[in-house]
Structure formats: C-alpha cells, structure tokens
N, C-alpha and C. Protein backbone atom coordinates (compact mmCIF):
# COMPACT_ATOMS: atom_id res chain seq x y z
N UNK A 1 -17.78 -28.82 -88.33
CA UNK A 1 -17.46 -30.17 -87.91
C UNK A 1 -16.78 -30.89 -89.06
N UNK A 2 -15.69 -31.55 -88.79
CA UNK A 2 -14.97 -32.33 -89.81
C UNK A 2 -15.34 -33.79 -89.64
N UNK A 3 -16.15 -34.30 -90.59
CA UNK A 3 -16.58 -35.69 -90.54
C UNK A 3 -15.50 -36.67 -90.98
N UNK A 4 -14.43 -36.18 -91.62
CA UNK A 4 -13.51 -37.07 -92.33
C UNK A 4 -12.13 -37.19 -91.73
N UNK A 5 -11.89 -36.53 -90.61
CA UNK A 5 -10.60 -36.65 -89.95
C UNK A 5 -10.36 -38.11 -89.58
N UNK A 6 -9.27 -38.66 -90.03
CA UNK A 6 -8.93 -40.03 -89.72
C UNK A 6 -9.52 -41.07 -90.67
N UNK A 7 -10.30 -40.65 -91.66
CA UNK A 7 -10.87 -41.58 -92.63
C UNK A 7 -9.88 -41.73 -93.77
N UNK A 8 -9.36 -42.93 -93.96
CA UNK A 8 -8.29 -43.18 -94.92
C UNK A 8 -8.60 -42.67 -96.34
N UNK A 9 -9.80 -42.92 -96.82
CA UNK A 9 -10.15 -42.52 -98.18
C UNK A 9 -9.94 -41.02 -98.39
N UNK A 10 -10.19 -40.23 -97.37
CA UNK A 10 -10.10 -38.78 -97.49
C UNK A 10 -8.82 -38.20 -96.90
N UNK A 11 -7.84 -39.06 -96.61
CA UNK A 11 -6.62 -38.61 -95.94
C UNK A 11 -5.77 -37.68 -96.80
N UNK A 12 -5.89 -37.75 -98.12
CA UNK A 12 -5.11 -36.86 -98.99
C UNK A 12 -5.69 -35.45 -99.08
N UNK A 13 -6.92 -35.28 -98.63
CA UNK A 13 -7.53 -33.95 -98.64
C UNK A 13 -6.93 -33.12 -97.52
N UNK A 14 -6.69 -31.87 -97.79
CA UNK A 14 -6.19 -30.99 -96.74
C UNK A 14 -7.27 -30.86 -95.66
N UNK A 15 -6.87 -30.51 -94.44
CA UNK A 15 -7.87 -30.29 -93.40
C UNK A 15 -8.93 -29.26 -93.82
N UNK A 16 -8.49 -28.23 -94.54
CA UNK A 16 -9.42 -27.21 -95.03
C UNK A 16 -10.44 -27.83 -95.99
N UNK A 17 -9.97 -28.70 -96.92
CA UNK A 17 -10.89 -29.34 -97.86
C UNK A 17 -11.77 -30.38 -97.17
N UNK A 18 -11.24 -31.06 -96.15
CA UNK A 18 -12.10 -31.96 -95.38
C UNK A 18 -13.23 -31.18 -94.72
N UNK A 19 -12.90 -30.01 -94.18
CA UNK A 19 -13.93 -29.16 -93.58
C UNK A 19 -14.92 -28.67 -94.64
N UNK A 20 -14.41 -28.30 -95.82
CA UNK A 20 -15.30 -27.84 -96.90
C UNK A 20 -16.24 -28.96 -97.32
N UNK A 21 -15.72 -30.18 -97.47
CA UNK A 21 -16.56 -31.31 -97.83
C UNK A 21 -17.57 -31.58 -96.72
N UNK A 22 -17.16 -31.41 -95.49
CA UNK A 22 -18.08 -31.62 -94.36
C UNK A 22 -19.27 -30.66 -94.41
N UNK A 23 -19.07 -29.50 -95.04
CA UNK A 23 -20.18 -28.55 -95.19
C UNK A 23 -21.30 -29.12 -96.05
N UNK A 24 -20.99 -30.12 -96.89
CA UNK A 24 -21.98 -30.75 -97.76
C UNK A 24 -22.54 -32.02 -97.12
N UNK A 25 -22.35 -32.18 -95.82
CA UNK A 25 -22.70 -33.44 -95.15
C UNK A 25 -23.69 -33.23 -94.02
N UNK A 26 -24.31 -34.34 -93.70
CA UNK A 26 -25.12 -34.45 -92.49
C UNK A 26 -25.06 -35.91 -92.07
N UNK A 27 -25.52 -36.20 -90.88
CA UNK A 27 -25.59 -37.60 -90.47
C UNK A 27 -27.04 -38.05 -90.52
N UNK A 28 -27.21 -39.33 -90.74
CA UNK A 28 -28.53 -39.94 -90.77
C UNK A 28 -28.48 -41.20 -89.91
N UNK A 29 -29.42 -41.33 -89.00
CA UNK A 29 -29.49 -42.51 -88.16
C UNK A 29 -30.56 -43.44 -88.71
N UNK A 30 -30.19 -44.71 -88.81
CA UNK A 30 -31.10 -45.74 -89.30
C UNK A 30 -31.36 -46.74 -88.18
N UNK A 31 -32.58 -47.20 -88.08
CA UNK A 31 -32.92 -48.26 -87.15
C UNK A 31 -32.81 -49.59 -87.87
N UNK A 32 -32.68 -50.68 -87.13
CA UNK A 32 -32.62 -52.01 -87.74
C UNK A 32 -33.82 -52.19 -88.66
N UNK A 33 -33.54 -52.60 -89.90
CA UNK A 33 -34.59 -52.81 -90.89
C UNK A 33 -34.86 -51.63 -91.80
N UNK A 34 -34.36 -50.44 -91.44
CA UNK A 34 -34.55 -49.26 -92.30
C UNK A 34 -33.77 -49.44 -93.59
N UNK A 35 -34.36 -48.98 -94.69
CA UNK A 35 -33.72 -49.03 -96.01
C UNK A 35 -33.05 -47.69 -96.27
N UNK A 36 -31.74 -47.70 -96.53
CA UNK A 36 -31.02 -46.48 -96.86
C UNK A 36 -31.39 -46.03 -98.27
N UNK A 37 -31.36 -46.97 -99.23
CA UNK A 37 -31.85 -46.71 -100.58
C UNK A 37 -32.16 -48.03 -101.26
N UNK A 38 -32.96 -47.94 -102.32
CA UNK A 38 -33.40 -49.12 -103.06
C UNK A 38 -32.57 -49.30 -104.34
N UNK A 39 -32.45 -50.54 -104.75
CA UNK A 39 -31.84 -50.84 -106.05
C UNK A 39 -32.61 -50.08 -107.12
N UNK A 40 -31.92 -49.53 -108.05
CA UNK A 40 -32.39 -48.77 -109.22
C UNK A 40 -32.69 -47.31 -108.90
N UNK A 41 -32.60 -46.89 -107.63
CA UNK A 41 -32.77 -45.47 -107.32
C UNK A 41 -31.66 -44.67 -108.00
N UNK A 42 -31.97 -43.44 -108.34
CA UNK A 42 -30.93 -42.54 -108.85
C UNK A 42 -30.13 -42.02 -107.66
N UNK A 43 -28.80 -42.06 -107.75
CA UNK A 43 -27.99 -41.62 -106.61
C UNK A 43 -28.03 -40.10 -106.43
N UNK A 44 -28.30 -39.69 -105.22
CA UNK A 44 -28.29 -38.27 -104.88
C UNK A 44 -27.21 -37.94 -103.87
N UNK A 45 -26.62 -38.97 -103.28
CA UNK A 45 -25.64 -38.76 -102.22
C UNK A 45 -24.72 -39.96 -102.13
N UNK A 46 -23.60 -39.72 -101.50
CA UNK A 46 -22.65 -40.76 -101.14
C UNK A 46 -22.80 -40.96 -99.63
N UNK A 47 -22.53 -42.15 -99.16
CA UNK A 47 -22.66 -42.44 -97.74
C UNK A 47 -21.37 -43.08 -97.24
N UNK A 48 -21.01 -42.75 -96.02
CA UNK A 48 -19.91 -43.41 -95.33
C UNK A 48 -20.51 -43.92 -94.01
N UNK A 49 -20.34 -45.19 -93.74
CA UNK A 49 -20.86 -45.76 -92.50
C UNK A 49 -20.03 -45.20 -91.35
N UNK A 50 -20.69 -44.53 -90.42
CA UNK A 50 -20.01 -43.99 -89.25
C UNK A 50 -19.97 -45.05 -88.15
N UNK A 51 -21.10 -45.70 -87.92
CA UNK A 51 -21.13 -46.84 -87.01
C UNK A 51 -22.35 -47.70 -87.34
N UNK A 52 -22.29 -48.94 -86.92
CA UNK A 52 -23.39 -49.85 -87.18
C UNK A 52 -23.04 -50.88 -88.23
N UNK A 53 -24.06 -51.47 -88.80
CA UNK A 53 -23.90 -52.58 -89.74
C UNK A 53 -24.98 -52.48 -90.81
N UNK A 54 -24.57 -52.46 -92.08
CA UNK A 54 -25.51 -52.40 -93.19
C UNK A 54 -25.36 -53.64 -94.05
N UNK A 55 -26.46 -54.07 -94.64
CA UNK A 55 -26.49 -55.22 -95.53
C UNK A 55 -26.78 -54.75 -96.95
N UNK A 56 -26.02 -55.26 -97.90
CA UNK A 56 -26.22 -54.94 -99.31
C UNK A 56 -26.93 -56.12 -99.95
N UNK A 57 -28.07 -55.86 -100.56
CA UNK A 57 -28.91 -56.91 -101.15
C UNK A 57 -29.20 -56.56 -102.61
N UNK A 58 -28.96 -57.54 -103.49
CA UNK A 58 -29.20 -57.34 -104.92
C UNK A 58 -30.31 -58.26 -105.41
N UNK A 59 -31.08 -57.73 -106.35
CA UNK A 59 -32.10 -58.54 -107.00
C UNK A 59 -31.69 -58.74 -108.45
N UNK A 60 -31.71 -59.98 -108.89
CA UNK A 60 -31.32 -60.29 -110.27
C UNK A 60 -32.48 -59.96 -111.21
N UNK A 61 -32.21 -60.00 -112.51
CA UNK A 61 -33.25 -59.76 -113.50
C UNK A 61 -34.39 -60.77 -113.39
N UNK A 62 -34.07 -61.96 -112.89
CA UNK A 62 -35.10 -63.00 -112.74
C UNK A 62 -35.90 -62.83 -111.44
N UNK A 63 -35.52 -61.85 -110.60
CA UNK A 63 -36.25 -61.59 -109.37
C UNK A 63 -35.66 -62.24 -108.13
N UNK A 64 -34.60 -63.01 -108.31
CA UNK A 64 -33.94 -63.65 -107.17
C UNK A 64 -33.18 -62.61 -106.35
N UNK A 65 -33.34 -62.66 -105.02
CA UNK A 65 -32.68 -61.72 -104.13
C UNK A 65 -31.52 -62.42 -103.43
N UNK A 66 -30.39 -61.72 -103.35
CA UNK A 66 -29.19 -62.30 -102.74
C UNK A 66 -28.47 -61.22 -101.92
N UNK A 67 -28.06 -61.58 -100.70
CA UNK A 67 -27.24 -60.69 -99.87
C UNK A 67 -25.81 -60.80 -100.38
N UNK A 68 -25.22 -59.65 -100.73
CA UNK A 68 -23.91 -59.69 -101.38
C UNK A 68 -22.77 -59.06 -100.58
N UNK A 69 -23.09 -58.28 -99.56
CA UNK A 69 -22.01 -57.65 -98.79
C UNK A 69 -22.55 -57.14 -97.46
N UNK A 70 -21.62 -56.97 -96.54
CA UNK A 70 -21.89 -56.35 -95.25
C UNK A 70 -20.97 -55.14 -95.15
N UNK A 71 -21.51 -54.04 -94.68
CA UNK A 71 -20.73 -52.81 -94.58
C UNK A 71 -20.62 -52.40 -93.12
N UNK A 72 -19.40 -52.07 -92.72
CA UNK A 72 -19.07 -51.71 -91.34
C UNK A 72 -18.60 -50.27 -91.30
N UNK A 73 -18.17 -49.84 -90.12
CA UNK A 73 -17.69 -48.47 -89.92
C UNK A 73 -16.60 -48.12 -90.93
N UNK A 74 -16.77 -46.97 -91.53
CA UNK A 74 -15.88 -46.31 -92.49
C UNK A 74 -15.91 -46.94 -93.89
N UNK A 75 -16.84 -47.88 -94.11
CA UNK A 75 -17.04 -48.37 -95.47
C UNK A 75 -17.81 -47.33 -96.28
N UNK A 76 -17.52 -47.31 -97.56
CA UNK A 76 -18.18 -46.42 -98.51
C UNK A 76 -19.45 -47.08 -99.02
N UNK A 77 -20.51 -46.29 -99.19
CA UNK A 77 -21.77 -46.79 -99.72
C UNK A 77 -22.21 -45.83 -100.82
N UNK A 78 -21.95 -46.17 -102.09
CA UNK A 78 -22.41 -45.29 -103.17
C UNK A 78 -21.67 -45.48 -104.46
N UNK A 79 -20.42 -45.82 -104.39
CA UNK A 79 -19.45 -45.53 -105.45
C UNK A 79 -19.83 -46.07 -106.82
N UNK A 80 -20.36 -47.26 -106.90
CA UNK A 80 -20.66 -47.83 -108.21
C UNK A 80 -21.77 -47.05 -108.91
N UNK A 81 -22.74 -46.56 -108.15
CA UNK A 81 -23.87 -45.84 -108.74
C UNK A 81 -23.43 -44.60 -109.50
N UNK A 82 -22.41 -43.91 -109.01
CA UNK A 82 -21.99 -42.69 -109.66
C UNK A 82 -21.16 -42.92 -110.91
N UNK A 83 -20.59 -44.11 -111.04
CA UNK A 83 -19.73 -44.39 -112.18
C UNK A 83 -20.41 -45.25 -113.23
N UNK A 84 -21.59 -45.75 -112.93
CA UNK A 84 -22.29 -46.63 -113.85
C UNK A 84 -23.03 -45.87 -114.93
N UNK A 85 -23.42 -46.59 -115.95
CA UNK A 85 -24.22 -46.04 -117.03
C UNK A 85 -25.43 -46.93 -117.23
N UNK A 86 -26.63 -46.48 -117.00
CA UNK A 86 -26.97 -45.18 -116.42
C UNK A 86 -26.64 -45.17 -114.93
N UNK A 87 -26.48 -43.99 -114.37
CA UNK A 87 -26.10 -43.92 -112.95
C UNK A 87 -27.28 -44.26 -112.05
N UNK A 88 -27.36 -45.51 -111.64
CA UNK A 88 -28.41 -45.95 -110.72
C UNK A 88 -27.80 -46.85 -109.66
N UNK A 89 -28.49 -46.98 -108.55
CA UNK A 89 -28.05 -47.86 -107.48
C UNK A 89 -28.17 -49.31 -107.97
N UNK A 90 -27.14 -50.10 -107.74
CA UNK A 90 -27.17 -51.48 -108.21
C UNK A 90 -27.56 -52.46 -107.12
N UNK A 91 -27.95 -51.95 -105.95
CA UNK A 91 -28.36 -52.81 -104.85
C UNK A 91 -29.18 -51.99 -103.86
N UNK A 92 -29.85 -52.70 -102.97
CA UNK A 92 -30.58 -52.09 -101.86
C UNK A 92 -29.71 -52.22 -100.62
N UNK A 93 -29.69 -51.17 -99.80
CA UNK A 93 -28.90 -51.20 -98.57
C UNK A 93 -29.84 -51.05 -97.38
N UNK A 94 -29.71 -52.00 -96.44
CA UNK A 94 -30.61 -52.10 -95.30
C UNK A 94 -29.80 -52.12 -94.00
N UNK A 95 -30.22 -51.35 -93.02
CA UNK A 95 -29.56 -51.37 -91.71
C UNK A 95 -29.88 -52.69 -91.00
N UNK A 96 -28.86 -53.34 -90.49
CA UNK A 96 -29.05 -54.58 -89.74
C UNK A 96 -29.14 -54.34 -88.24
N UNK A 97 -28.72 -53.17 -87.84
CA UNK A 97 -28.81 -52.73 -86.45
C UNK A 97 -28.83 -51.21 -86.49
N UNK A 98 -29.04 -50.58 -85.37
CA UNK A 98 -29.01 -49.12 -85.38
C UNK A 98 -27.67 -48.68 -85.94
N UNK A 99 -27.71 -47.80 -86.93
CA UNK A 99 -26.50 -47.40 -87.65
C UNK A 99 -26.57 -45.91 -87.94
N UNK A 100 -25.40 -45.32 -88.06
CA UNK A 100 -25.30 -43.91 -88.46
C UNK A 100 -24.45 -43.84 -89.71
N UNK A 101 -24.92 -43.08 -90.69
CA UNK A 101 -24.15 -42.85 -91.91
C UNK A 101 -23.93 -41.36 -92.07
N UNK A 102 -22.80 -41.04 -92.68
CA UNK A 102 -22.51 -39.67 -93.08
C UNK A 102 -23.03 -39.54 -94.50
N UNK A 103 -23.88 -38.58 -94.74
CA UNK A 103 -24.48 -38.35 -96.05
C UNK A 103 -23.74 -37.18 -96.70
N UNK A 104 -23.13 -37.44 -97.87
CA UNK A 104 -22.43 -36.40 -98.61
C UNK A 104 -23.20 -36.17 -99.90
N UNK A 105 -23.74 -34.98 -100.08
CA UNK A 105 -24.51 -34.74 -101.29
C UNK A 105 -23.60 -34.83 -102.52
N UNK A 106 -24.19 -35.21 -103.61
CA UNK A 106 -23.47 -35.48 -104.86
C UNK A 106 -22.57 -34.31 -105.27
N UNK A 107 -23.06 -33.10 -105.17
CA UNK A 107 -22.28 -31.93 -105.58
C UNK A 107 -20.97 -31.84 -104.81
N UNK A 108 -21.00 -32.09 -103.52
CA UNK A 108 -19.79 -31.98 -102.70
C UNK A 108 -18.73 -32.98 -103.10
N UNK A 109 -19.12 -34.23 -103.32
CA UNK A 109 -18.13 -35.23 -103.69
C UNK A 109 -17.61 -34.99 -105.09
N UNK A 110 -18.45 -34.52 -106.00
CA UNK A 110 -17.99 -34.20 -107.36
C UNK A 110 -16.94 -33.09 -107.32
N UNK A 111 -17.16 -32.09 -106.48
CA UNK A 111 -16.20 -31.00 -106.35
C UNK A 111 -14.85 -31.52 -105.84
N UNK A 112 -14.88 -32.39 -104.84
CA UNK A 112 -13.64 -32.93 -104.29
C UNK A 112 -12.93 -33.83 -105.30
N UNK A 113 -13.68 -34.61 -106.06
CA UNK A 113 -13.04 -35.49 -107.05
C UNK A 113 -12.42 -34.69 -108.18
N UNK A 114 -13.04 -33.57 -108.53
CA UNK A 114 -12.45 -32.70 -109.55
C UNK A 114 -11.16 -32.07 -109.04
N UNK A 115 -11.15 -31.69 -107.79
CA UNK A 115 -9.98 -31.04 -107.21
C UNK A 115 -8.88 -32.05 -106.87
N UNK A 116 -9.26 -33.26 -106.49
CA UNK A 116 -8.32 -34.29 -106.09
C UNK A 116 -8.50 -35.53 -106.96
N UNK A 117 -7.86 -35.59 -108.12
CA UNK A 117 -8.00 -36.76 -109.00
C UNK A 117 -7.60 -38.07 -108.32
N UNK A 118 -6.70 -38.02 -107.35
CA UNK A 118 -6.32 -39.25 -106.64
C UNK A 118 -7.49 -39.83 -105.86
N UNK A 119 -8.39 -38.98 -105.39
CA UNK A 119 -9.58 -39.46 -104.70
C UNK A 119 -10.44 -40.26 -105.67
N UNK A 120 -10.58 -39.75 -106.88
CA UNK A 120 -11.33 -40.46 -107.93
C UNK A 120 -10.69 -41.83 -108.18
N UNK A 121 -9.37 -41.88 -108.27
CA UNK A 121 -8.67 -43.15 -108.50
C UNK A 121 -8.85 -44.12 -107.34
N UNK A 122 -8.85 -43.62 -106.10
CA UNK A 122 -9.07 -44.48 -104.94
C UNK A 122 -10.46 -45.11 -105.01
N UNK A 123 -11.45 -44.31 -105.39
CA UNK A 123 -12.82 -44.83 -105.50
C UNK A 123 -12.90 -45.86 -106.61
N UNK A 124 -12.25 -45.60 -107.74
CA UNK A 124 -12.25 -46.58 -108.83
C UNK A 124 -11.62 -47.89 -108.37
N UNK A 125 -10.57 -47.83 -107.57
CA UNK A 125 -9.94 -49.04 -107.04
C UNK A 125 -10.89 -49.81 -106.14
N UNK A 126 -11.66 -49.10 -105.32
CA UNK A 126 -12.66 -49.75 -104.48
C UNK A 126 -13.69 -50.48 -105.34
N UNK A 127 -14.11 -49.83 -106.41
CA UNK A 127 -15.10 -50.43 -107.32
C UNK A 127 -14.53 -51.71 -107.94
N UNK A 128 -13.28 -51.64 -108.40
CA UNK A 128 -12.66 -52.81 -109.02
C UNK A 128 -12.57 -53.99 -108.05
N UNK A 129 -12.21 -53.70 -106.80
CA UNK A 129 -12.12 -54.76 -105.80
C UNK A 129 -13.49 -55.36 -105.52
N UNK A 130 -14.50 -54.50 -105.37
CA UNK A 130 -15.84 -55.00 -105.06
C UNK A 130 -16.48 -55.72 -106.24
N UNK A 131 -16.07 -55.36 -107.45
CA UNK A 131 -16.65 -55.98 -108.64
C UNK A 131 -16.03 -57.32 -108.97
N UNK A 132 -14.86 -57.60 -108.39
CA UNK A 132 -14.17 -58.86 -108.74
C UNK A 132 -14.58 -60.00 -107.84
C-alpha cells in the first residue's frame, strides 16, 4: 500500500521509494481526546494526518498551557522533534475528533531523507515557517 501518493511533501520520491517508505508505516486511529504524544517525549515516529483534526498544545516553563496550532489532513506532525537538540517533542498533540494518522517509524524517514536531501530541505522549510 502506498500511503504517500498525492502527498505534496513526498511528491519528489519515486513511486518505488514511496512504496518502500510505506513499508515502514501503519495507520493509527485516535478518538476525540486521545493523546498522540506528550510534550518532552522522545520521538520514535513521524506522523502525517490522514483525516481528522489534531490540536497542538504547549506548556511553558512556568506551567502555562497554550493551544498553538491545529493540524488537518496531510499536515506533518513530528518535524521539530527530530531536528531539535535534544531531540524531544516540543508540544502535546491531542485528537479533537476521530482522526487517522499515518505513522512512519524514525528509521524509514531517516533513510528517505538521506536518499532525498530535498525532502530534508522541505521539512526544514516547514519548521522555519512554523517557528516564525
């Protein structure tokens, strides 16, 4: 099964590489209120929202909690955690309604980024936009 056909971020990957990356994937269904991951968790996977709605919530050092983003279909969920030092999740992600995410294990995405440096650059651009 090719999870990435038609997904802009992965459009530069050959169909064969999209299929190879799909081998490192599974889908996960979340119910409203389910937590995908917690702030400060070590990242083990990358996520792409397949359908539904996710809320990104950050807690400051003082303990204040703030909703900072909403993620829709085909949004990326992971990217800053893999590029940060130390590599940890910088927010908690919670399903706001029944949602499905594509889970890509860390090894698979690292292999694709090594093979396709442009994919790495696209992800860095996403990080820069979200950080500004």
